[in-house]
Amino acid sequence: AESKVFKGPHEDLESYLEAIAQLSSGKLFVILAATRALRVVMESLTMLIACLLKHSLSWKMSLNNC
């Protein structure tokens, strides 16, 4: 597809437009996959922060009871 785009539309307009459509759909897929991956990372970080806060609070309570 990339070679058809580099040749330009003046040789074969239909192939050129098909190549652009293929490349665009591929880029959209990559963007969607990256968005999903980022969402998973953010959820994991949120859970990690919650665990750290809970651990910190329990540690402080343990120290106060000594």
PDB file of N, CA and C in Angstrom:
ATOM      1  N   ALA A   1       0.819  -1.187   0.000  1.00  0.00           N
ATOM      2  CA  ALA A   1       0.000   0.000   0.000  1.00  0.00           C
ATOM      3  C   ALA A   1       0.870   1.261   0.000  1.00  0.00           C
ATOM      4  N   GLU A   2       1.980   1.214   0.740  1.00  0.00           N
ATOM      5  CA  GLU A   2       2.815   2.413   0.830  1.00  0.00           C
ATOM      6  C   GLU A   2       3.415   2.792  -0.514  1.00  0.00           C
ATOM      7  N   SER A   3       3.808   1.793  -1.302  1.00  0.00           N
ATOM      8  CA  SER A   3       4.411   2.102  -2.605  1.00  0.00           C
ATOM      9  C   SER A   3       3.400   2.771  -3.533  1.00  0.00           C
ATOM     10  N   LYS A   4       2.138   2.358  -3.447  1.00  0.00           N
ATOM     11  CA  LYS A   4       1.095   2.981  -4.269  1.00  0.00           C
ATOM     12  C   LYS A   4       0.882   4.436  -3.866  1.00  0.00           C
ATOM     13  N   VAL A   5       0.975   4.703  -2.577  1.00  0.00           N
ATOM     14  CA  VAL A   5       0.804   6.076  -2.106  1.00  0.00           C
ATOM     15  C   VAL A   5       1.970   6.933  -2.571  1.00  0.00           C
ATOM     16  N   PHE A   6       3.185   6.383  -2.502  1.00  0.00           N
ATOM     17  CA  PHE A   6       4.360   7.146  -2.922  1.00  0.00           C
ATOM     18  C   PHE A   6       4.349   7.448  -4.419  1.00  0.00           C
ATOM     19  N   LYS A   7       3.758   6.538  -5.217  1.00  0.00           N
ATOM     20  CA  LYS A   7       3.679   6.774  -6.667  1.00  0.00           C
ATOM     21  C   LYS A   7       2.712   7.906  -6.995  1.00  0.00           C
ATOM     22  N   GLY A   8       1.721   8.077  -6.144  1.00  0.00           N
ATOM     23  CA  GLY A   8       0.770   9.159  -6.364  1.00  0.00           C
ATOM     24  C   GLY A   8      -0.470   8.715  -7.109  1.00  0.00           C
ATOM     25  N   PRO A   9      -1.471   9.597  -7.176  1.00  0.00           N
ATOM     26  CA  PRO A   9      -2.751   9.248  -7.780  1.00  0.00           C
ATOM     27  C   PRO A   9      -2.759   9.310  -9.303  1.00  0.00           C
ATOM     28  N   HIS A  10      -1.764   9.919  -9.923  1.00  0.00           N
ATOM     29  CA  HIS A  10      -1.819  10.123 -11.368  1.00  0.00           C
ATOM     30  C   HIS A  10      -1.601   8.832 -12.158  1.00  0.00           C
ATOM     31  N   GLU A  11      -0.980   7.785 -11.576  1.00  0.00           N
ATOM     32  CA  GLU A  11      -0.803   6.524 -12.298  1.00  0.00           C
ATOM     33  C   GLU A  11      -2.068   5.669 -12.255  1.00  0.00           C
ATOM     34  N   ASP A  12      -2.602   5.469 -11.044  1.00  0.00           N
ATOM     35  CA  ASP A  12      -3.788   4.623 -10.868  1.00  0.00           C
ATOM     36  C   ASP A  12      -4.580   5.150  -9.669  1.00  0.00           C
ATOM     37  N   LEU A  13      -5.559   5.987  -9.958  1.00  0.00           N
ATOM     38  CA  LEU A  13      -6.310   6.662  -8.902  1.00  0.00           C
ATOM     39  C   LEU A  13      -7.016   5.675  -7.979  1.00  0.00           C
ATOM     40  N   GLU A  14      -7.635   4.638  -8.543  1.00  0.00           N
ATOM     41  CA  GLU A  14      -8.388   3.684  -7.728  1.00  0.00           C
ATOM     42  C   GLU A  14      -7.473   2.946  -6.750  1.00  0.00           C
ATOM     43  N   SER A  15      -6.336   2.474  -7.228  1.00  0.00           N
ATOM     44  CA  SER A  15      -5.379   1.785  -6.348  1.00  0.00           C
ATOM     45  C   SER A  15      -4.837   2.727  -5.280  1.00  0.00           C
ATOM     46  N   TYR A  16      -4.618   3.966  -5.675  1.00  0.00           N
ATOM     47  CA  TYR A  16      -4.119   4.979  -4.749  1.00  0.00           C
ATOM     48  C   TYR A  16      -5.114   5.194  -3.607  1.00  0.00           C
ATOM     49  N   LEU A  17      -6.397   5.341  -3.941  1.00  0.00           N
ATOM     50  CA  LEU A  17      -7.430   5.556  -2.925  1.00  0.00           C
ATOM     51  C   LEU A  17      -7.607   4.327  -2.030  1.00  0.00           C
ATOM     52  N   GLU A  18      -7.512   3.128  -2.618  1.00  0.00           N
ATOM     53  CA  GLU A  18      -7.597   1.901  -1.825  1.00  0.00           C
ATOM     54  C   GLU A  18      -6.431   1.811  -0.845  1.00  0.00           C
ATOM     55  N   ALA A  19      -5.244   2.173  -1.310  1.00  0.00           N
ATOM     56  CA  ALA A  19      -4.060   2.133  -0.446  1.00  0.00           C
ATOM     57  C   ALA A  19      -4.202   3.103   0.717  1.00  0.00           C
ATOM     58  N   ILE A  20      -4.718   4.283   0.450  1.00  0.00           N
ATOM     59  CA  ILE A  20      -4.928   5.266   1.520  1.00  0.00           C
ATOM     60  C   ILE A  20      -5.945   4.735   2.527  1.00  0.00           C
ATOM     61  N   ALA A  21      -6.995   4.098   2.045  1.00  0.00           N
ATOM     62  CA  ALA A  21      -8.008   3.536   2.942  1.00  0.00           C
ATOM     63  C   ALA A  21      -7.405   2.435   3.812  1.00  0.00           C
ATOM     64  N   GLN A  22      -6.564   1.578   3.225  1.00  0.00           N
ATOM     65  CA  GLN A  22      -5.919   0.507   3.990  1.00  0.00           C
ATOM     66  C   GLN A  22      -5.010   1.083   5.071  1.00  0.00           C
ATOM     67  N   LEU A  23      -4.210   2.059   4.703  1.00  0.00           N
ATOM     68  CA  LEU A  23      -3.299   2.668   5.675  1.00  0.00           C
ATOM     69  C   LEU A  23      -4.064   3.383   6.778  1.00  0.00           C
ATOM     70  N   SER A  24      -5.143   4.049   6.424  1.00  0.00           N
ATOM     71  CA  SER A  24      -5.939   4.768   7.421  1.00  0.00           C
ATOM     72  C   SER A  24      -6.580   3.811   8.410  1.00  0.00           C
ATOM     73  N   SER A  25      -7.118   2.695   7.925  1.00  0.00           N
ATOM     74  CA  SER A  25      -7.750   1.739   8.833  1.00  0.00           C
ATOM     75  C   SER A  25      -6.710   1.095   9.734  1.00  0.00           C
ATOM     76  N   GLY A  26      -5.508   0.878   9.232  1.00  0.00           N
ATOM     77  CA  GLY A  26      -4.435   0.330  10.057  1.00  0.00           C
ATOM     78  C   GLY A  26      -4.026   1.291  11.149  1.00  0.00           C
ATOM     79  N   LYS A  27      -3.942   2.561  10.822  1.00  0.00           N
ATOM     80  CA  LYS A  27      -3.585   3.566  11.825  1.00  0.00           C
ATOM     81  C   LYS A  27      -4.675   3.676  12.874  1.00  0.00           C
ATOM     82  N   LEU A  28      -5.924   3.585  12.452  1.00  0.00           N
ATOM     83  CA  LEU A  28      -7.031   3.648  13.402  1.00  0.00           C
ATOM     84  C   LEU A  28      -6.957   2.471  14.368  1.00  0.00           C
ATOM     85  N   PHE A  29      -6.637   1.281  13.841  1.00  0.00           N
ATOM     86  CA  PHE A  29      -6.505   0.099  14.693  1.00  0.00           C
ATOM     87  C   PHE A  29      -5.408   0.300  15.732  1.00  0.00           C
ATOM     88  N   VAL A  30      -4.279   0.848  15.310  1.00  0.00           N
ATOM     89  CA  VAL A  30      -3.164   1.088  16.231  1.00  0.00           C
ATOM     90  C   VAL A  30      -3.568   2.089  17.304  1.00  0.00           C
ATOM     91  N   ILE A  31      -4.267   3.131  16.912  1.00  0.00           N
ATOM     92  CA  ILE A  31      -4.711   4.142  17.879  1.00  0.00           C
ATOM     93  C   ILE A  31      -5.676   3.526  18.889  1.00  0.00           C
ATOM     94  N   LEU A  32      -6.616   2.714  18.413  1.00  0.00           N
ATOM     95  CA  LEU A  32      -7.570   2.080  19.322  1.00  0.00           C
ATOM     96  C   LEU A  32      -6.878   1.105  20.259  1.00  0.00           C
ATOM     97  N   ALA A  33      -5.931   0.326  19.735  1.00  0.00           N
ATOM     98  CA  ALA A  33      -5.197  -0.622  20.576  1.00  0.00           C
ATOM     99  C   ALA A  33      -4.382   0.114  21.631  1.00  0.00           C
ATOM    100  N   ALA A  34      -3.749   1.207  21.242  1.00  0.00           N
ATOM    101  CA  ALA A  34      -2.954   1.989  22.196  1.00  0.00           C
ATOM    102  C   ALA A  34      -3.846   2.602  23.268  1.00  0.00           C
ATOM    103  N   THR A  35      -5.034   3.035  22.878  1.00  0.00           N
ATOM    104  CA  THR A  35      -5.971   3.615  23.841  1.00  0.00           C
ATOM    105  C   THR A  35      -6.401   2.570  24.859  1.00  0.00           C
ATOM    106  N   ARG A  36      -6.691   1.362  24.375  1.00  0.00           N
ATOM    107  CA  ARG A  36      -7.077   0.287  25.297  1.00  0.00           C
ATOM    108  C   ARG A  36      -5.930  -0.057  26.237  1.00  0.00           C
ATOM    109  N   ALA A  37      -4.729  -0.137  25.695  1.00  0.00           N
ATOM    110  CA  ALA A  37      -3.564  -0.457  26.520  1.00  0.00           C
ATOM    111  C   ALA A  37      -3.342   0.621  27.573  1.00  0.00           C
ATOM    112  N   LEU A  38      -3.492   1.861  27.189  1.00  0.00           N
ATOM    113  CA  LEU A  38      -3.320   2.963  28.133  1.00  0.00           C
ATOM    114  C   LEU A  38      -4.366   2.894  29.239  1.00  0.00           C
ATOM    115  N   ARG A  39      -5.576   2.542  28.876  1.00  0.00           N
ATOM    116  CA  ARG A  39      -6.647   2.415  29.870  1.00  0.00           C
ATOM    117  C   ARG A  39      -6.299   1.321  30.888  1.00  0.00           C
ATOM    118  N   VAL A  40      -5.764   0.195  30.413  1.00  0.00           N
ATOM    119  CA  VAL A  40      -5.379  -0.898  31.308  1.00  0.00           C
ATOM    120  C   VAL A  40      -4.249  -0.455  32.233  1.00  0.00           C
ATOM    121  N   VAL A  41      -3.276   0.257  31.681  1.00  0.00           N
ATOM    122  CA  VAL A  41      -2.165   0.754  32.500  1.00  0.00           C
ATOM    123  C   VAL A  41      -2.677   1.715  33.566  1.00  0.00           C
ATOM    124  N   MET A  42      -3.566   2.611  33.188  1.00  0.00           N
ATOM    125  CA  MET A  42      -4.104   3.580  34.146  1.00  0.00           C
ATOM    126  C   MET A  42      -4.897   2.878  35.254  1.00  0.00           C
ATOM    127  N   GLU A  43      -5.687   1.870  34.903  1.00  0.00           N
ATOM    128  CA  GLU A  43      -6.443   1.131  35.913  1.00  0.00           C
ATOM    129  C   GLU A  43      -5.499   0.402  36.860  1.00  0.00           C
ATOM    130  N   SER A  44      -4.427  -0.175  36.317  1.00  0.00           N
ATOM    131  CA  SER A  44      -3.445  -0.872  37.147  1.00  0.00           C
ATOM    132  C   SER A  44      -2.750   0.091  38.098  1.00  0.00           C
ATOM    133  N   LEU A  45      -2.380   1.258  37.596  1.00  0.00           N
ATOM    134  CA  LEU A  45      -1.737   2.256  38.453  1.00  0.00           C
ATOM    135  C   LEU A  45      -2.680   2.740  39.548  1.00  0.00           C
ATOM    136  N   THR A  46      -3.939   2.909  39.213  1.00  0.00           N
ATOM    137  CA  THR A  46      -4.929   3.335  40.202  1.00  0.00           C
ATOM    138  C   THR A  46      -5.049   2.301  41.319  1.00  0.00           C
ATOM    139  N   MET A  47      -5.093   1.011  40.946  1.00  0.00           N
ATOM    140  CA  MET A  47      -5.171  -0.040  41.958  1.00  0.00           C
ATOM    141  C   MET A  47      -3.904  -0.083  42.807  1.00  0.00           C
ATOM    142  N   LEU A  48      -2.755   0.103  42.182  1.00  0.00           N
ATOM    143  CA  LEU A  48      -1.491   0.107  42.916  1.00  0.00           C
ATOM    144  C   LEU A  48      -1.445   1.253  43.919  1.00  0.00           C
ATOM    145  N   ILE A  49      -1.871   2.427  43.503  1.00  0.00           N
ATOM    146  CA  ILE A  49      -1.901   3.585  44.408  1.00  0.00           C
ATOM    147  C   ILE A  49      -2.844   3.317  45.579  1.00  0.00           C
ATOM    148  N   ALA A  50      -4.003   2.736  45.302  1.00  0.00           N
ATOM    149  CA  ALA A  50      -4.954   2.425  46.373  1.00  0.00           C
ATOM    150  C   ALA A  50      -4.343   1.436  47.361  1.00  0.00           C
ATOM    151  N   CYS A  51      -3.639   0.434  46.858  1.00  0.00           N
ATOM    152  CA  CYS A  51      -2.988  -0.541  47.741  1.00  0.00           C
ATOM    153  C   CYS A  51      -1.905   0.117  48.587  1.00  0.00           C
ATOM    154  N   LEU A  52      -1.122   0.985  47.974  1.00  0.00           N
ATOM    155  CA  LEU A  52      -0.059   1.671  48.712  1.00  0.00           C
ATOM    156  C   LEU A  52      -0.629   2.570  49.804  1.00  0.00           C
ATOM    157  N   LEU A  53      -1.698   3.269  49.500  1.00  0.00           N
ATOM    158  CA  LEU A  53      -2.335   4.123  50.511  1.00  0.00           C
ATOM    159  C   LEU A  53      -2.886   3.298  51.671  1.00  0.00           C
ATOM    160  N   LYS A  54      -3.517   2.184  51.341  1.00  0.00           N
ATOM    161  CA  LYS A  54      -4.065   1.318  52.381  1.00  0.00           C
ATOM    162  C   LYS A  54      -2.942   0.767  53.251  1.00  0.00           C
ATOM    163  N   HIS A  55      -1.860   0.343  52.619  1.00  0.00           N
ATOM    164  CA  HIS A  55      -0.711  -0.182  53.361  1.00  0.00           C
ATOM    165  C   HIS A  55      -0.100   0.906  54.243  1.00  0.00           C
ATOM    166  N   SER A  56       0.010   2.103  53.709  1.00  0.00           N
ATOM    167  CA  SER A  56       0.565   3.223  54.471  1.00  0.00           C
ATOM    168  C   SER A  56      -0.287   3.526  55.700  1.00  0.00           C
ATOM    169  N   LEU A  57      -1.600   3.527  55.527  1.00  0.00           N
ATOM    170  CA  LEU A  57      -2.498   3.785  56.658  1.00  0.00           C
ATOM    171  C   LEU A  57      -2.394   2.689  57.713  1.00  0.00           C
ATOM    172  N   SER A  58      -2.328   1.445  57.283  1.00  0.00           N
ATOM    173  CA  SER A  58      -2.217   0.356  58.261  1.00  0.00           C
ATOM    174  C   SER A  58      -0.868   0.414  58.978  1.00  0.00           C
ATOM    175  N   TRP A  59       0.177   0.825  58.284  1.00  0.00           N
ATOM    176  CA  TRP A  59       1.501   0.973  58.891  1.00  0.00           C
ATOM    177  C   TRP A  59       1.466   2.079  59.954  1.00  0.00           C
ATOM    178  N   LYS A  60       0.833   3.203  59.634  1.00  0.00           N
ATOM    179  CA  LYS A  60       0.718   4.300  60.600  1.00  0.00           C
ATOM    180  C   LYS A  60      -0.085   3.872  61.828  1.00  0.00           C
ATOM    181  N   MET A  61      -1.150   3.120  61.609  1.00  0.00           N
ATOM    182  CA  MET A  61      -1.961   2.645  62.730  1.00  0.00           C
ATOM    183  C   MET A  61      -1.157   1.695  63.609  1.00  0.00           C
ATOM    184  N   SER A  62      -0.334   0.857  62.992  1.00  0.00           N
ATOM    185  CA  SER A  62       0.507  -0.067  63.754  1.00  0.00           C
ATOM    186  C   SER A  62       1.512   0.693  64.600  1.00  0.00           C
ATOM    187  N   LEU A  63       2.089   1.736  64.035  1.00  0.00           N
ATOM    188  CA  LEU A  63       3.066   2.534  64.781  1.00  0.00           C
ATOM    189  C   LEU A  63       2.406   3.293  65.928  1.00  0.00           C
ATOM    190  N   ASN A  64       1.188   3.746  65.714  1.00  0.00           N
ATOM    191  CA  ASN A  64       0.471   4.473  66.768  1.00  0.00           C
ATOM    192  C   ASN A  64       0.088   3.563  67.934  1.00  0.00           C
ATOM    193  N   ASN A  65      -0.094   2.281  67.665  1.00  0.00           N
ATOM    194  CA  ASN A  65      -0.486   1.331  68.706  1.00  0.00           C
ATOM    195  C   ASN A  65       0.697   0.857  69.543  1.00  0.00           C
ATOM    196  N   CYS A  66       1.900   1.181  69.151  1.00  0.00           N
ATOM    197  CA  CYS A  66       3.091   0.727  69.896  1.00  0.00           C
ATOM    198  C   CYS A  66       3.338   1.545  71.127  1.00  0.00           C
TER     199      CYS A  66
END
